[in-house]
Amino acid sequence: MVTEDLQRIFKLEQNRSNHTIDFTQLLVEDMKTLAYKSAYEALTFEEDLF
């Protein structure tokens, strides 16, 4: 589920922020992945309706 993915991502980002790496770029990548997953879920949900 998307909400669980968001929680997982933010938890990962909190852990990453303790390290000296560019976690902003990683957050962007995680959000892109989540966006694709959300779009896929929306498309497959629509297919299930018909």
N, C-alpha and C. Protein backbone atom coordinates (compact mmCIF):
# COMPACT_ATOMS: atom_id res chain seq x y z
N MET A 1 0.85 -1.19 0.00
CA MET A 1 0.00 0.00 0.00
C MET A 1 0.89 1.25 0.00
N VAL A 2 0.41 2.27 -0.64
CA VAL A 2 1.21 3.48 -0.82
C VAL A 2 1.56 4.15 0.51
N THR A 3 0.61 4.19 1.43
CA THR A 3 0.85 4.84 2.72
C THR A 3 1.99 4.15 3.47
N GLU A 4 2.00 2.84 3.44
CA GLU A 4 3.07 2.09 4.10
C GLU A 4 4.41 2.37 3.45
N ASP A 5 4.41 2.50 2.12
CA ASP A 5 5.65 2.82 1.41
C ASP A 5 6.16 4.20 1.82
N LEU A 6 5.24 5.16 1.96
CA LEU A 6 5.65 6.50 2.38
C LEU A 6 6.28 6.46 3.77
N GLN A 7 5.66 5.72 4.68
CA GLN A 7 6.20 5.61 6.03
C GLN A 7 7.59 4.97 6.00
N ARG A 8 7.74 3.95 5.17
CA ARG A 8 9.03 3.27 5.05
C ARG A 8 10.08 4.24 4.51
N ILE A 9 9.70 5.01 3.49
CA ILE A 9 10.64 5.95 2.89
C ILE A 9 11.09 7.00 3.90
N PHE A 10 10.15 7.58 4.63
CA PHE A 10 10.53 8.63 5.58
C PHE A 10 11.37 8.06 6.72
N LYS A 11 11.08 6.83 7.11
CA LYS A 11 11.90 6.20 8.14
C LYS A 11 13.33 5.99 7.62
N LEU A 12 13.44 5.55 6.38
CA LEU A 12 14.77 5.40 5.78
C LEU A 12 15.49 6.73 5.70
N GLU A 13 14.77 7.77 5.33
CA GLU A 13 15.40 9.09 5.21
C GLU A 13 15.88 9.60 6.56
N GLN A 14 15.13 9.32 7.61
CA GLN A 14 15.56 9.73 8.95
C GLN A 14 16.87 9.03 9.31
N ASN A 15 16.96 7.75 8.97
CA ASN A 15 18.20 7.02 9.24
C ASN A 15 19.35 7.57 8.40
N ARG A 16 19.05 7.88 7.16
CA ARG A 16 20.09 8.38 6.25
C ARG A 16 20.60 9.75 6.70
N SER A 17 19.72 10.55 7.27
CA SER A 17 20.12 11.91 7.64
C SER A 17 21.19 11.90 8.73
N ASN A 18 21.35 10.78 9.39
CA ASN A 18 22.39 10.66 10.41
C ASN A 18 23.77 10.47 9.78
N HIS A 19 23.79 10.19 8.48
CA HIS A 19 25.05 9.95 7.79
C HIS A 19 25.36 11.14 6.88
N THR A 20 26.62 11.26 6.52
CA THR A 20 27.02 12.40 5.68
C THR A 20 26.94 12.01 4.21
N ILE A 21 25.73 11.75 3.74
CA ILE A 21 25.52 11.48 2.32
C ILE A 21 24.38 12.36 1.83
N ASP A 22 24.27 12.49 0.54
CA ASP A 22 23.24 13.34 -0.04
C ASP A 22 21.92 12.58 -0.05
N PHE A 23 21.23 12.60 1.08
CA PHE A 23 20.00 11.83 1.19
C PHE A 23 18.85 12.49 0.43
N THR A 24 19.01 13.77 0.07
CA THR A 24 17.96 14.43 -0.71
C THR A 24 17.79 13.74 -2.06
N GLN A 25 18.91 13.43 -2.71
CA GLN A 25 18.85 12.74 -4.00
C GLN A 25 18.23 11.36 -3.84
N LEU A 26 18.55 10.68 -2.76
CA LEU A 26 17.97 9.37 -2.52
C LEU A 26 16.47 9.48 -2.27
N LEU A 27 16.06 10.53 -1.58
CA LEU A 27 14.63 10.75 -1.35
C LEU A 27 13.90 10.96 -2.67
N VAL A 28 14.51 11.74 -3.56
CA VAL A 28 13.92 11.97 -4.88
C VAL A 28 13.74 10.65 -5.62
N GLU A 29 14.76 9.80 -5.57
CA GLU A 29 14.68 8.50 -6.24
C GLU A 29 13.58 7.64 -5.62
N ASP A 30 13.49 7.65 -4.29
CA ASP A 30 12.44 6.89 -3.61
C ASP A 30 11.06 7.40 -3.99
N MET A 31 10.91 8.72 -4.10
CA MET A 31 9.63 9.30 -4.46
C MET A 31 9.25 8.96 -5.89
N LYS A 32 10.25 8.93 -6.79
CA LYS A 32 9.98 8.53 -8.17
C LYS A 32 9.47 7.10 -8.19
N THR A 33 10.14 6.23 -7.45
CA THR A 33 9.73 4.83 -7.38
C THR A 33 8.30 4.73 -6.86
N LEU A 34 8.01 5.48 -5.82
CA LEU A 34 6.67 5.47 -5.24
C LEU A 34 5.64 5.98 -6.24
N ALA A 35 5.99 7.02 -6.99
CA ALA A 35 5.07 7.57 -7.99
C ALA A 35 4.77 6.54 -9.06
N TYR A 36 5.80 5.84 -9.53
CA TYR A 36 5.58 4.81 -10.53
C TYR A 36 4.71 3.69 -9.97
N LYS A 37 4.97 3.30 -8.74
CA LYS A 37 4.19 2.24 -8.11
C LYS A 37 2.73 2.66 -7.95
N SER A 38 2.52 3.91 -7.55
CA SER A 38 1.16 4.43 -7.39
C SER A 38 0.43 4.44 -8.72
N ALA A 39 1.12 4.88 -9.76
CA ALA A 39 0.52 4.92 -11.09
C ALA A 39 0.16 3.50 -11.55
N TYR A 40 1.07 2.57 -11.31
CA TYR A 40 0.82 1.18 -11.69
C TYR A 40 -0.39 0.62 -10.94
N GLU A 41 -0.45 0.89 -9.64
CA GLU A 41 -1.59 0.42 -8.85
C GLU A 41 -2.89 1.02 -9.36
N ALA A 42 -2.86 2.30 -9.72
CA ALA A 42 -4.05 2.96 -10.24
C ALA A 42 -4.48 2.32 -11.56
N LEU A 43 -3.52 2.04 -12.42
CA LEU A 43 -3.84 1.43 -13.71
C LEU A 43 -4.39 0.02 -13.54
N THR A 44 -3.77 -0.76 -12.68
CA THR A 44 -4.24 -2.13 -12.49
C THR A 44 -5.59 -2.14 -11.79
N PHE A 45 -5.83 -1.16 -10.92
CA PHE A 45 -7.13 -1.06 -10.26
C PHE A 45 -8.20 -0.77 -11.30
N GLU A 46 -7.89 0.13 -12.24
CA GLU A 46 -8.84 0.48 -13.29
C GLU A 46 -9.14 -0.75 -14.15
N GLU A 47 -8.12 -1.54 -14.44
CA GLU A 47 -8.31 -2.75 -15.23
C GLU A 47 -9.24 -3.73 -14.51
N ASP A 48 -9.13 -3.78 -13.20
CA ASP A 48 -9.97 -4.69 -12.43
C ASP A 48 -11.44 -4.30 -12.50
N LEU A 49 -11.71 -3.02 -12.76
CA LEU A 49 -13.09 -2.55 -12.81
C LEU A 49 -13.81 -3.01 -14.07
N PHE A 50 -13.03 -3.24 -15.13
CA PHE A 50 -13.65 -3.59 -16.42
C PHE A 50 -13.48 -5.05 -16.76
